Amino acid sequence: MPLTVADLMSKMPGAFLPEKAPGLDAVIQFKFSGAEAGEWYAAIKDGKCTVTQGAHPSPKMTLSADSADYVKIFTGEMDGMQAFMQGKIKLAGDLNLAMKLMTMFKIR
């Protein structure tokens, strides 16, 4: 059975690597279009990551992508940087946070 955005978002807290994000206090908003359109946000603070469905009033960074592309990036089928360069991922806010995002989570 293929992974869904909901599956991935529920696995994010368990895949979080706190040692890769020392002292980080940030909220990352995810806006998905396509088959699994919706909004989620990940709050990273005090070495923990929590994920909530919905919109946060003041995220530090927003990532917008087609839900199918996001699943491919998170499972390693698509390179995140390439997807960004091709316009498949749009980022707003703290772009340094986007670079860290790929290292803060165990992919797969």
PDB file of N, CA and C in Angstrom:
ATOM      1  N   MET A   1       0.845  -1.187   0.000  1.00  0.00           N
ATOM      2  CA  MET A   1       0.000   0.000   0.000  1.00  0.00           C
ATOM      3  C   MET A   1       0.893   1.253   0.000  1.00  0.00           C
ATOM      4  N   PRO A   2       0.650   2.184  -0.896  1.00  0.00           N
ATOM      5  CA  PRO A   2       1.512   3.368  -0.963  1.00  0.00           C
ATOM      6  C   PRO A   2       1.357   4.255   0.276  1.00  0.00           C
ATOM      7  N   LEU A   3       2.432   4.929   0.609  1.00  0.00           N
ATOM      8  CA  LEU A   3       2.398   5.864   1.736  1.00  0.00           C
ATOM      9  C   LEU A   3       1.538   7.065   1.394  1.00  0.00           C
ATOM     10  N   THR A   4       0.907   7.614   2.399  1.00  0.00           N
ATOM     11  CA  THR A   4       0.118   8.831   2.213  1.00  0.00           C
ATOM     12  C   THR A   4       0.789   9.973   2.966  1.00  0.00           C
ATOM     13  N   VAL A   5       0.375  11.185   2.682  1.00  0.00           N
ATOM     14  CA  VAL A   5       0.884  12.345   3.409  1.00  0.00           C
ATOM     15  C   VAL A   5       0.574  12.188   4.901  1.00  0.00           C
ATOM     16  N   ALA A   6      -0.628  11.720   5.221  1.00  0.00           N
ATOM     17  CA  ALA A   6      -1.004  11.531   6.630  1.00  0.00           C
ATOM     18  C   ALA A   6      -0.057  10.536   7.308  1.00  0.00           C
ATOM     19  N   ASP A   7       0.313   9.459   6.604  1.00  0.00           N
ATOM     20  CA  ASP A   7       1.279   8.488   7.150  1.00  0.00           C
ATOM     21  C   ASP A   7       2.598   9.186   7.465  1.00  0.00           C
ATOM     22  N   LEU A   8       3.098   9.930   6.474  1.00  0.00           N
ATOM     23  CA  LEU A   8       4.391  10.603   6.644  1.00  0.00           C
ATOM     24  C   LEU A   8       4.361  11.615   7.779  1.00  0.00           C
ATOM     25  N   MET A   9       3.309  12.406   7.837  1.00  0.00           N
ATOM     26  CA  MET A   9       3.224  13.427   8.868  1.00  0.00           C
ATOM     27  C   MET A   9       3.145  12.776  10.253  1.00  0.00           C
ATOM     28  N   SER A  10       2.456  11.645  10.356  1.00  0.00           N
ATOM     29  CA  SER A  10       2.362  10.975  11.663  1.00  0.00           C
ATOM     30  C   SER A  10       3.694  10.343  12.062  1.00  0.00           C
ATOM     31  N   LYS A  11       4.551  10.036  11.068  1.00  0.00           N
ATOM     32  CA  LYS A  11       5.858   9.434  11.359  1.00  0.00           C
ATOM     33  C   LYS A  11       6.942  10.472  11.629  1.00  0.00           C
ATOM     34  N   MET A  12       6.688  11.736  11.299  1.00  0.00           N
ATOM     35  CA  MET A  12       7.716  12.774  11.460  1.00  0.00           C
ATOM     36  C   MET A  12       8.288  12.868  12.879  1.00  0.00           C
ATOM     37  N   PRO A  13       7.451  12.902  13.927  1.00  0.00           N
ATOM     38  CA  PRO A  13       8.032  13.021  15.270  1.00  0.00           C
ATOM     39  C   PRO A  13       9.001  11.876  15.588  1.00  0.00           C
ATOM     40  N   GLY A  14       8.689  10.663  15.152  1.00  0.00           N
ATOM     41  CA  GLY A  14       9.554   9.513  15.412  1.00  0.00           C
ATOM     42  C   GLY A  14      10.821   9.512  14.579  1.00  0.00           C
ATOM     43  N   ALA A  15      10.790  10.204  13.443  1.00  0.00           N
ATOM     44  CA  ALA A  15      11.958  10.263  12.553  1.00  0.00           C
ATOM     45  C   ALA A  15      12.848  11.469  12.858  1.00  0.00           C
ATOM     46  N   PHE A  16      12.400  12.319  13.787  1.00  0.00           N
ATOM     47  CA  PHE A  16      13.145  13.526  14.127  1.00  0.00           C
ATOM     48  C   PHE A  16      14.452  13.177  14.825  1.00  0.00           C
ATOM     49  N   LEU A  17      15.535  13.852  14.416  1.00  0.00           N
ATOM     50  CA  LEU A  17      16.861  13.656  15.011  1.00  0.00           C
ATOM     51  C   LEU A  17      17.222  14.917  15.798  1.00  0.00           C
ATOM     52  N   PRO A  18      16.929  14.950  17.105  1.00  0.00           N
ATOM     53  CA  PRO A  18      17.142  16.179  17.875  1.00  0.00           C
ATOM     54  C   PRO A  18      18.593  16.670  17.876  1.00  0.00           C
ATOM     55  N   GLU A  19      19.539  15.751  17.756  1.00  0.00           N
ATOM     56  CA  GLU A  19      20.945  16.165  17.739  1.00  0.00           C
ATOM     57  C   GLU A  19      21.294  16.987  16.497  1.00  0.00           C
ATOM     58  N   LYS A  20      20.463  16.919  15.457  1.00  0.00           N
ATOM     59  CA  LYS A  20      20.683  17.701  14.237  1.00  0.00           C
ATOM     60  C   LYS A  20      20.024  19.083  14.307  1.00  0.00           C
ATOM     61  N   ALA A  21      19.318  19.354  15.401  1.00  0.00           N
ATOM     62  CA  ALA A  21      18.604  20.629  15.522  1.00  0.00           C
ATOM     63  C   ALA A  21      18.773  21.222  16.917  1.00  0.00           C
ATOM     64  N   PRO A  22      20.016  21.364  17.389  1.00  0.00           N
ATOM     65  CA  PRO A  22      20.205  21.890  18.748  1.00  0.00           C
ATOM     66  C   PRO A  22      19.713  23.328  18.883  1.00  0.00           C
ATOM     67  N   GLY A  23      18.892  23.554  19.905  1.00  0.00           N
ATOM     68  CA  GLY A  23      18.409  24.896  20.186  1.00  0.00           C
ATOM     69  C   GLY A  23      17.371  25.432  19.214  1.00  0.00           C
ATOM     70  N   LEU A  24      16.930  24.615  18.283  1.00  0.00           N
ATOM     71  CA  LEU A  24      15.975  25.097  17.283  1.00  0.00           C
ATOM     72  C   LEU A  24      14.584  25.267  17.890  1.00  0.00           C
ATOM     73  N   ASP A  25      13.971  26.379  17.592  1.00  0.00           N
ATOM     74  CA  ASP A  25      12.596  26.662  18.002  1.00  0.00           C
ATOM     75  C   ASP A  25      11.919  27.225  16.754  1.00  0.00           C
ATOM     76  N   ALA A  26      11.192  26.366  16.046  1.00  0.00           N
ATOM     77  CA  ALA A  26      10.614  26.788  14.764  1.00  0.00           C
ATOM     78  C   ALA A  26       9.347  26.017  14.443  1.00  0.00           C
ATOM     79  N   VAL A  27       8.492  26.654  13.660  1.00  0.00           N
ATOM     80  CA  VAL A  27       7.288  26.002  13.140  1.00  0.00           C
ATOM     81  C   VAL A  27       7.395  25.997  11.626  1.00  0.00           C
ATOM     82  N   ILE A  28       7.197  24.810  11.046  1.00  0.00           N
ATOM     83  CA  ILE A  28       7.250  24.656   9.594  1.00  0.00           C
ATOM     84  C   ILE A  28       5.850  24.292   9.110  1.00  0.00           C
ATOM     85  N   GLN A  29       5.326  25.131   8.234  1.00  0.00           N
ATOM     86  CA  GLN A  29       3.992  24.906   7.670  1.00  0.00           C
ATOM     87  C   GLN A  29       4.131  24.112   6.375  1.00  0.00           C
ATOM     88  N   PHE A  30       3.297  23.101   6.207  1.00  0.00           N
ATOM     89  CA  PHE A  30       3.267  22.303   4.981  1.00  0.00           C
ATOM     90  C   PHE A  30       1.917  22.533   4.320  1.00  0.00           C
ATOM     91  N   LYS A  31       1.950  22.941   3.039  1.00  0.00           N
ATOM     92  CA  LYS A  31       0.712  23.135   2.277  1.00  0.00           C
ATOM     93  C   LYS A  31       0.757  22.179   1.088  1.00  0.00           C
ATOM     94  N   PHE A  32      -0.158  21.229   1.085  1.00  0.00           N
ATOM     95  CA  PHE A  32      -0.174  20.221   0.031  1.00  0.00           C
ATOM     96  C   PHE A  32      -1.323  20.447  -0.935  1.00  0.00           C
ATOM     97  N   SER A  33      -1.021  20.242  -2.210  1.00  0.00           N
ATOM     98  CA  SER A  33      -2.048  20.283  -3.244  1.00  0.00           C
ATOM     99  C   SER A  33      -2.147  18.877  -3.816  1.00  0.00           C
ATOM    100  N   GLY A  34      -3.029  18.680  -4.771  1.00  0.00           N
ATOM    101  CA  GLY A  34      -3.131  17.381  -5.422  1.00  0.00           C
ATOM    102  C   GLY A  34      -4.072  16.435  -4.696  1.00  0.00           C
ATOM    103  N   ALA A  35      -3.778  15.133  -4.822  1.00  0.00           N
ATOM    104  CA  ALA A  35      -4.670  14.085  -4.317  1.00  0.00           C
ATOM    105  C   ALA A  35      -4.929  14.192  -2.816  1.00  0.00           C
ATOM    106  N   GLU A  36      -3.926  14.616  -2.061  1.00  0.00           N
ATOM    107  CA  GLU A  36      -4.089  14.728  -0.608  1.00  0.00           C
ATOM    108  C   GLU A  36      -3.912  16.175  -0.155  1.00  0.00           C
ATOM    109  N   ALA A  37      -4.676  17.055  -0.758  1.00  0.00           N
ATOM    110  CA  ALA A  37      -4.576  18.478  -0.429  1.00  0.00           C
ATOM    111  C   ALA A  37      -4.887  18.701   1.048  1.00  0.00           C
ATOM    112  N   GLY A  38      -4.146  19.613   1.657  1.00  0.00           N
ATOM    113  CA  GLY A  38      -4.391  19.930   3.061  1.00  0.00           C
ATOM    114  C   GLY A  38      -3.205  20.642   3.663  1.00  0.00           C
ATOM    115  N   GLU A  39      -3.350  21.052   4.915  1.00  0.00           N
ATOM    116  CA  GLU A  39      -2.273  21.758   5.604  1.00  0.00           C
ATOM    117  C   GLU A  39      -1.925  21.046   6.903  1.00  0.00           C
ATOM    118  N   TRP A  40      -0.637  21.040   7.198  1.00  0.00           N
ATOM    119  CA  TRP A  40      -0.090  20.466   8.430  1.00  0.00           C
ATOM    120  C   TRP A  40       1.023  21.388   8.883  1.00  0.00           C
ATOM    121  N   TYR A  41       1.385  21.310  10.147  1.00  0.00           N
ATOM    122  CA  TYR A  41       2.595  22.011  10.576  1.00  0.00           C
ATOM    123  C   TYR A  41       3.355  21.182  11.606  1.00  0.00           C
ATOM    124  N   ALA A  42       4.672  21.343  11.548  1.00  0.00           N
ATOM    125  CA  ALA A  42       5.571  20.677  12.486  1.00  0.00           C
ATOM    126  C   ALA A  42       6.175  21.748  13.376  1.00  0.00           C
ATOM    127  N   ALA A  43       6.054  21.554  14.681  1.00  0.00           N
ATOM    128  CA  ALA A  43       6.646  22.469  15.650  1.00  0.00           C
ATOM    129  C   ALA A  43       7.858  21.775  16.270  1.00  0.00           C
ATOM    130  N   ILE A  44       9.006  22.415  16.154  1.00  0.00           N
ATOM    131  CA  ILE A  44      10.243  21.860  16.705  1.00  0.00           C
ATOM    132  C   ILE A  44      10.708  22.787  17.824  1.00  0.00           C
ATOM    133  N   LYS A  45      10.807  22.217  19.027  1.00  0.00           N
ATOM    134  CA  LYS A  45      11.210  23.007  20.189  1.00  0.00           C
ATOM    135  C   LYS A  45      11.702  22.069  21.286  1.00  0.00           C
ATOM    136  N   ASP A  46      12.748  22.490  21.976  1.00  0.00           N
ATOM    137  CA  ASP A  46      13.293  21.715  23.106  1.00  0.00           C
ATOM    138  C   ASP A  46      13.621  20.274  22.723  1.00  0.00           C
ATOM    139  N   GLY A  47      14.147  20.079  21.510  1.00  0.00           N
ATOM    140  CA  GLY A  47      14.561  18.744  21.075  1.00  0.00           C
ATOM    141  C   GLY A  47      13.422  17.808  20.741  1.00  0.00           C
ATOM    142  N   LYS A  48      12.212  18.362  20.548  1.00  0.00           N
ATOM    143  CA  LYS A  48      11.053  17.522  20.211  1.00  0.00           C
ATOM    144  C   LYS A  48      10.368  18.066  18.969  1.00  0.00           C
ATOM    145  N   CYS A  49       9.689  17.178  18.273  1.00  0.00           N
ATOM    146  CA  CYS A  49       8.920  17.573  17.091  1.00  0.00           C
ATOM    147  C   CYS A  49       7.487  17.093  17.273  1.00  0.00           C
ATOM    148  N   THR A  50       6.541  18.000  17.121  1.00  0.00           N
ATOM    149  CA  THR A  50       5.134  17.618  17.146  1.00  0.00           C
ATOM    150  C   THR A  50       4.517  18.040  15.815  1.00  0.00           C
ATOM    151  N   VAL A  51       3.572  17.258  15.344  1.00  0.00           N
ATOM    152  CA  VAL A  51       2.934  17.540  14.058  1.00  0.00           C
ATOM    153  C   VAL A  51       1.428  17.654  14.280  1.00  0.00           C
ATOM    154  N   THR A  52       0.849  18.693  13.690  1.00  0.00           N
ATOM    155  CA  THR A  52      -0.573  18.971  13.856  1.00  0.00           C
ATOM    156  C   THR A  52      -1.184  19.255  12.488  1.00  0.00           C
ATOM    157  N   GLN A  53      -2.412  18.773  12.289  1.00  0.00           N
ATOM    158  CA  GLN A  53      -3.099  19.081  11.037  1.00  0.00           C
ATOM    159  C   GLN A  53      -3.710  20.471  11.165  1.00  0.00           C
ATOM    160  N   GLY A  54      -3.557  21.284  10.106  1.00  0.00           N
ATOM    161  CA  GLY A  54      -4.127  22.617  10.109  1.00  0.00           C
ATOM    162  C   GLY A  54      -3.088  23.680   9.800  1.00  0.00           C
ATOM    163  N   ALA A  55      -3.479  24.933   9.966  1.00  0.00           N
ATOM    164  CA  ALA A  55      -2.598  26.062   9.656  1.00  0.00           C
ATOM    165  C   ALA A  55      -2.117  26.713  10.947  1.00  0.00           C
ATOM    166  N   HIS A  56      -0.857  27.076  10.989  1.00  0.00           N
ATOM    167  CA  HIS A  56      -0.272  27.775  12.143  1.00  0.00           C
ATOM    168  C   HIS A  56      -0.296  29.278  11.848  1.00  0.00           C
ATOM    169  N   PRO A  57      -0.574  30.124  12.850  1.00  0.00           N
ATOM    170  CA  PRO A  57      -0.674  31.563  12.589  1.00  0.00           C
ATOM    171  C   PRO A  57       0.647  32.237  12.206  1.00  0.00           C
ATOM    172  N   SER A  58       1.789  31.692  12.663  1.00  0.00           N
ATOM    173  CA  SER A  58       3.059  32.371  12.357  1.00  0.00           C
ATOM    174  C   SER A  58       4.214  31.382  12.171  1.00  0.00           C
ATOM    175  N   PRO A  59       4.181  30.607  11.070  1.00  0.00           N
ATOM    176  CA  PRO A  59       5.280  29.671  10.823  1.00  0.00           C
ATOM    177  C   PRO A  59       6.573  30.401  10.454  1.00  0.00           C
ATOM    178  N   LYS A  60       7.704  29.770  10.742  1.00  0.00           N
ATOM    179  CA  LYS A  60       9.005  30.353  10.394  1.00  0.00           C
ATOM    180  C   LYS A  60       9.304  30.096   8.913  1.00  0.00           C
ATOM    181  N   MET A  61       8.742  28.987   8.398  1.00  0.00           N
ATOM    182  CA  MET A  61       8.936  28.626   6.996  1.00  0.00           C
ATOM    183  C   MET A  61       7.691  27.899   6.493  1.00  0.00           C
ATOM    184  N   THR A  62       7.376  28.083   5.223  1.00  0.00           N
ATOM    185  CA  THR A  62       6.255  27.368   4.601  1.00  0.00           C
ATOM    186  C   THR A  62       6.770  26.600   3.401  1.00  0.00           C
ATOM    187  N   LEU A  63       6.411  25.328   3.335  1.00  0.00           N
ATOM    188  CA  LEU A  63       6.761  24.463   2.214  1.00  0.00           C
ATOM    189  C   LEU A  63       5.460  24.104   1.497  1.00  0.00           C
ATOM    190  N   SER A  64       5.400  24.397   0.207  1.00  0.00           N
ATOM    191  CA  SER A  64       4.216  24.052  -0.589  1.00  0.00           C
ATOM    192  C   SER A  64       4.625  23.062  -1.661  1.00  0.00           C
ATOM    193  N   ALA A  65       3.856  21.988  -1.804  1.00  0.00           N
ATOM    194  CA  ALA A  65       4.182  20.962  -2.798  1.00  0.00           C
ATOM    195  C   ALA A  65       2.953  20.124  -3.107  1.00  0.00           C
ATOM    196  N   ASP A  66       3.011  19.452  -4.250  1.00  0.00           N
ATOM    197  CA  ASP A  66       1.999  18.454  -4.573  1.00  0.00           C
ATOM    198  C   ASP A  66       2.204  17.292  -3.606  1.00  0.00           C
ATOM    199  N   SER A  67       1.129  16.748  -3.077  1.00  0.00           N
ATOM    200  CA  SER A  67       1.244  15.690  -2.070  1.00  0.00           C
ATOM    201  C   SER A  67       2.034  14.483  -2.592  1.00  0.00           C
ATOM    202  N   ALA A  68       1.843  14.104  -3.854  1.00  0.00           N
ATOM    203  CA  ALA A  68       2.551  12.944  -4.419  1.00  0.00           C
ATOM    204  C   ALA A  68       4.057  13.207  -4.502  1.00  0.00           C
ATOM    205  N   ASP A  69       4.443  14.440  -4.870  1.00  0.00           N
ATOM    206  CA  ASP A  69       5.866  14.788  -4.931  1.00  0.00           C
ATOM    207  C   ASP A  69       6.492  14.755  -3.544  1.00  0.00           C
ATOM    208  N   TYR A  70       5.771  15.244  -2.540  1.00  0.00           N
ATOM    209  CA  TYR A  70       6.299  15.255  -1.180  1.00  0.00           C
ATOM    210  C   TYR A  70       6.568  13.827  -0.693  1.00  0.00           C
ATOM    211  N   VAL A  71       5.641  12.923  -0.970  1.00  0.00           N
ATOM    212  CA  VAL A  71       5.831  11.524  -0.575  1.00  0.00           C
ATOM    213  C   VAL A  71       7.090  10.970  -1.254  1.00  0.00           C
ATOM    214  N   LYS A  72       7.287  11.280  -2.536  1.00  0.00           N
ATOM    215  CA  LYS A  72       8.476  10.799  -3.261  1.00  0.00           C
ATOM    216  C   LYS A  72       9.756  11.356  -2.664  1.00  0.00           C
ATOM    217  N   ILE A  73       9.731  12.624  -2.258  1.00  0.00           N
ATOM    218  CA  ILE A  73      10.922  13.231  -1.650  1.00  0.00           C
ATOM    219  C   ILE A  73      11.217  12.557  -0.320  1.00  0.00           C
ATOM    220  N   PHE A  74      10.190  12.369   0.493  1.00  0.00           N
ATOM    221  CA  PHE A  74      10.404  11.805   1.823  1.00  0.00           C
ATOM    222  C   PHE A  74      10.828  10.346   1.776  1.00  0.00           C
ATOM    223  N   THR A  75      10.466   9.630   0.719  1.00  0.00           N
ATOM    224  CA  THR A  75      10.861   8.220   0.613  1.00  0.00           C
ATOM    225  C   THR A  75      12.146   8.053  -0.197  1.00  0.00           C
ATOM    226  N   GLY A  76      12.718   9.169  -0.653  1.00  0.00           N
ATOM    227  CA  GLY A  76      13.982   9.097  -1.366  1.00  0.00           C
ATOM    228  C   GLY A  76      13.858   8.838  -2.859  1.00  0.00           C
ATOM    229  N   GLU A  77      12.634   8.768  -3.384  1.00  0.00           N
ATOM    230  CA  GLU A  77      12.443   8.539  -4.824  1.00  0.00           C
ATOM    231  C   GLU A  77      12.748   9.790  -5.643  1.00  0.00           C
ATOM    232  N   MET A  78      12.671  10.954  -4.983  1.00  0.00           N
ATOM    233  CA  MET A  78      12.920  12.226  -5.667  1.00  0.00           C
ATOM    234  C   MET A  78      13.859  13.049  -4.784  1.00  0.00           C
ATOM    235  N   ASP A  79      14.839  13.696  -5.388  1.00  0.00           N
ATOM    236  CA  ASP A  79      15.771  14.536  -4.654  1.00  0.00           C
ATOM    237  C   ASP A  79      15.097  15.867  -4.306  1.00  0.00           C
ATOM    238  N   GLY A  80      15.137  16.237  -3.026  1.00  0.00           N
ATOM    239  CA  GLY A  80      14.474  17.458  -2.568  1.00  0.00           C
ATOM    240  C   GLY A  80      15.016  18.711  -3.226  1.00  0.00           C
ATOM    241  N   MET A  81      16.330  18.793  -3.380  1.00  0.00           N
ATOM    242  CA  MET A  81      16.935  19.982  -3.988  1.00  0.00           C
ATOM    243  C   MET A  81      16.545  20.087  -5.462  1.00  0.00           C
ATOM    244  N   GLN A  82      16.552  18.938  -6.147  1.00  0.00           N
ATOM    245  CA  GLN A  82      16.139  18.934  -7.563  1.00  0.00           C
ATOM    246  C   GLN A  82      14.680  19.353  -7.698  1.00  0.00           C
ATOM    247  N   ALA A  83      13.846  18.844  -6.811  1.00  0.00           N
ATOM    248  CA  ALA A  83      12.420  19.182  -6.853  1.00  0.00           C
ATOM    249  C   ALA A  83      12.234  20.685  -6.656  1.00  0.00           C
ATOM    250  N   PHE A  84      13.039  21.281  -5.763  1.00  0.00           N
ATOM    251  CA  PHE A  84      12.970  22.725  -5.531  1.00  0.00           C
ATOM    252  C   PHE A  84      13.391  23.475  -6.793  1.00  0.00           C
ATOM    253  N   MET A  85      14.508  23.039  -7.404  1.00  0.00           N
ATOM    254  CA  MET A  85      15.015  23.702  -8.610  1.00  0.00           C
ATOM    255  C   MET A  85      14.016  23.598  -9.768  1.00  0.00           C
ATOM    256  N   GLN A  86      13.259  22.506  -9.803  1.00  0.00           N
ATOM    257  CA  GLN A  86      12.276  22.304 -10.875  1.00  0.00           C
ATOM    258  C   GLN A  86      10.945  22.980 -10.566  1.00  0.00           C
ATOM    259  N   GLY A  87      10.857  23.626  -9.391  1.00  0.00           N
ATOM    260  CA  GLY A  87       9.621  24.319  -9.032  1.00  0.00           C
ATOM    261  C   GLY A  87       8.546  23.409  -8.474  1.00  0.00           C
ATOM    262  N   LYS A  88       8.900  22.165  -8.138  1.00  0.00           N
ATOM    263  CA  LYS A  88       7.913  21.227  -7.578  1.00  0.00           C
ATOM    264  C   LYS A  88       7.680  21.489  -6.097  1.00  0.00           C
ATOM    265  N   ILE A  89       8.659  22.162  -5.468  1.00  0.00           N
ATOM    266  CA  ILE A  89       8.524  22.573  -4.078  1.00  0.00           C
ATOM    267  C   ILE A  89       8.698  24.084  -4.053  1.00  0.00           C
ATOM    268  N   LYS A  90       7.827  24.746  -3.327  1.00  0.00           N
ATOM    269  CA  LYS A  90       7.969  26.186  -3.152  1.00  0.00           C
ATOM    270  C   LYS A  90       8.201  26.441  -1.670  1.00  0.00           C
ATOM    271  N   LEU A  91       9.154  27.328  -1.389  1.00  0.00           N
ATOM    272  CA  LEU A  91       9.503  27.648  -0.012  1.00  0.00           C
ATOM    273  C   LEU A  91       9.316  29.138   0.236  1.00  0.00           C
ATOM    274  N   ALA A  92       8.861  29.468   1.432  1.00  0.00           N
ATOM    275  CA  ALA A  92       8.731  30.861   1.836  1.00  0.00           C
ATOM    276  C   ALA A  92       9.215  30.966   3.274  1.00  0.00           C
ATOM    277  N   GLY A  93       9.862  32.066   3.588  1.00  0.00           N
ATOM    278  CA  GLY A  93      10.341  32.255   4.951  1.00  0.00           C
ATOM    279  C   GLY A  93      11.816  31.922   5.073  1.00  0.00           C
ATOM    280  N   ASP A  94      12.190  31.266   6.156  1.00  0.00           N
ATOM    281  CA  ASP A  94      13.584  30.972   6.493  1.00  0.00           C
ATOM    282  C   ASP A  94      14.132  29.829   5.630  1.00  0.00           C
ATOM    283  N   LEU A  95      14.869  30.172   4.583  1.00  0.00           N
ATOM    284  CA  LEU A  95      15.385  29.155   3.667  1.00  0.00           C
ATOM    285  C   LEU A  95      16.513  28.333   4.290  1.00  0.00           C
ATOM    286  N   ASN A  96      17.221  28.887   5.271  1.00  0.00           N
ATOM    287  CA  ASN A  96      18.228  28.091   5.973  1.00  0.00           C
ATOM    288  C   ASN A  96      17.572  26.921   6.694  1.00  0.00           C
ATOM    289  N   LEU A  97      16.377  27.152   7.195  1.00  0.00           N
ATOM    290  CA  LEU A  97      15.620  26.104   7.866  1.00  0.00           C
ATOM    291  C   LEU A  97      15.280  24.986   6.875  1.00  0.00           C
ATOM    292  N   ALA A  98      14.977  25.346   5.651  1.00  0.00           N
ATOM    293  CA  ALA A  98      14.668  24.351   4.617  1.00  0.00           C
ATOM    294  C   ALA A  98      15.869  23.447   4.379  1.00  0.00           C
ATOM    295  N   MET A  99      17.063  24.015   4.366  1.00  0.00           N
ATOM    296  CA  MET A  99      18.268  23.213   4.153  1.00  0.00           C
ATOM    297  C   MET A  99      18.470  22.233   5.313  1.00  0.00           C
ATOM    298  N   LYS A 100      18.202  22.700   6.527  1.00  0.00           N
ATOM    299  CA  LYS A 100      18.357  21.837   7.707  1.00  0.00           C
ATOM    300  C   LYS A 100      17.301  20.741   7.736  1.00  0.00           C
ATOM    301  N   LEU A 101      16.135  21.042   7.188  1.00  0.00           N
ATOM    302  CA  LEU A 101      15.012  20.110   7.242  1.00  0.00           C
ATOM    303  C   LEU A 101      15.386  18.734   6.717  1.00  0.00           C
ATOM    304  N   MET A 102      16.168  18.696   5.637  1.00  0.00           N
ATOM    305  CA  MET A 102      16.534  17.414   5.038  1.00  0.00           C
ATOM    306  C   MET A 102      17.456  16.593   5.948  1.00  0.00           C
ATOM    307  N   THR A 103      18.175  17.244   6.865  1.00  0.00           N
ATOM    308  CA  THR A 103      19.083  16.507   7.748  1.00  0.00           C
ATOM    309  C   THR A 103      18.465  16.188   9.111  1.00  0.00           C
ATOM    310  N   MET A 104      17.374  16.878   9.454  1.00  0.00           N
ATOM    311  CA  MET A 104      16.790  16.720  10.794  1.00  0.00           C
ATOM    312  C   MET A 104      15.919  15.482  10.932  1.00  0.00           C
ATOM    313  N   PHE A 105      15.657  14.795   9.820  1.00  0.00           N
ATOM    314  CA  PHE A 105      14.779  13.639   9.869  1.00  0.00           C
ATOM    315  C   PHE A 105      15.428  12.440   9.194  1.00  0.00           C
ATOM    316  N   LYS A 106      15.232  11.262   9.799  1.00  0.00           N
ATOM    317  CA  LYS A 106      15.672  10.015   9.178  1.00  0.00           C
ATOM    318  C   LYS A 106      14.730   9.755   8.021  1.00  0.00           C
ATOM    319  N   ILE A 107      15.249   9.733   6.822  1.00  0.00           N
ATOM    320  CA  ILE A 107      14.402   9.451   5.662  1.00  0.00           C
ATOM    321  C   ILE A 107      14.324   7.925   5.534  1.00  0.00           C
ATOM    322  N   ARG A 108      13.111   7.415   5.454  1.00  0.00           N
ATOM    323  CA  ARG A 108      12.797   5.980   5.387  1.00  0.00           C
ATOM    324  C   ARG A 108      12.904   5.295   6.703  1.00  0.00           C
TER     325      ARG A 108
END
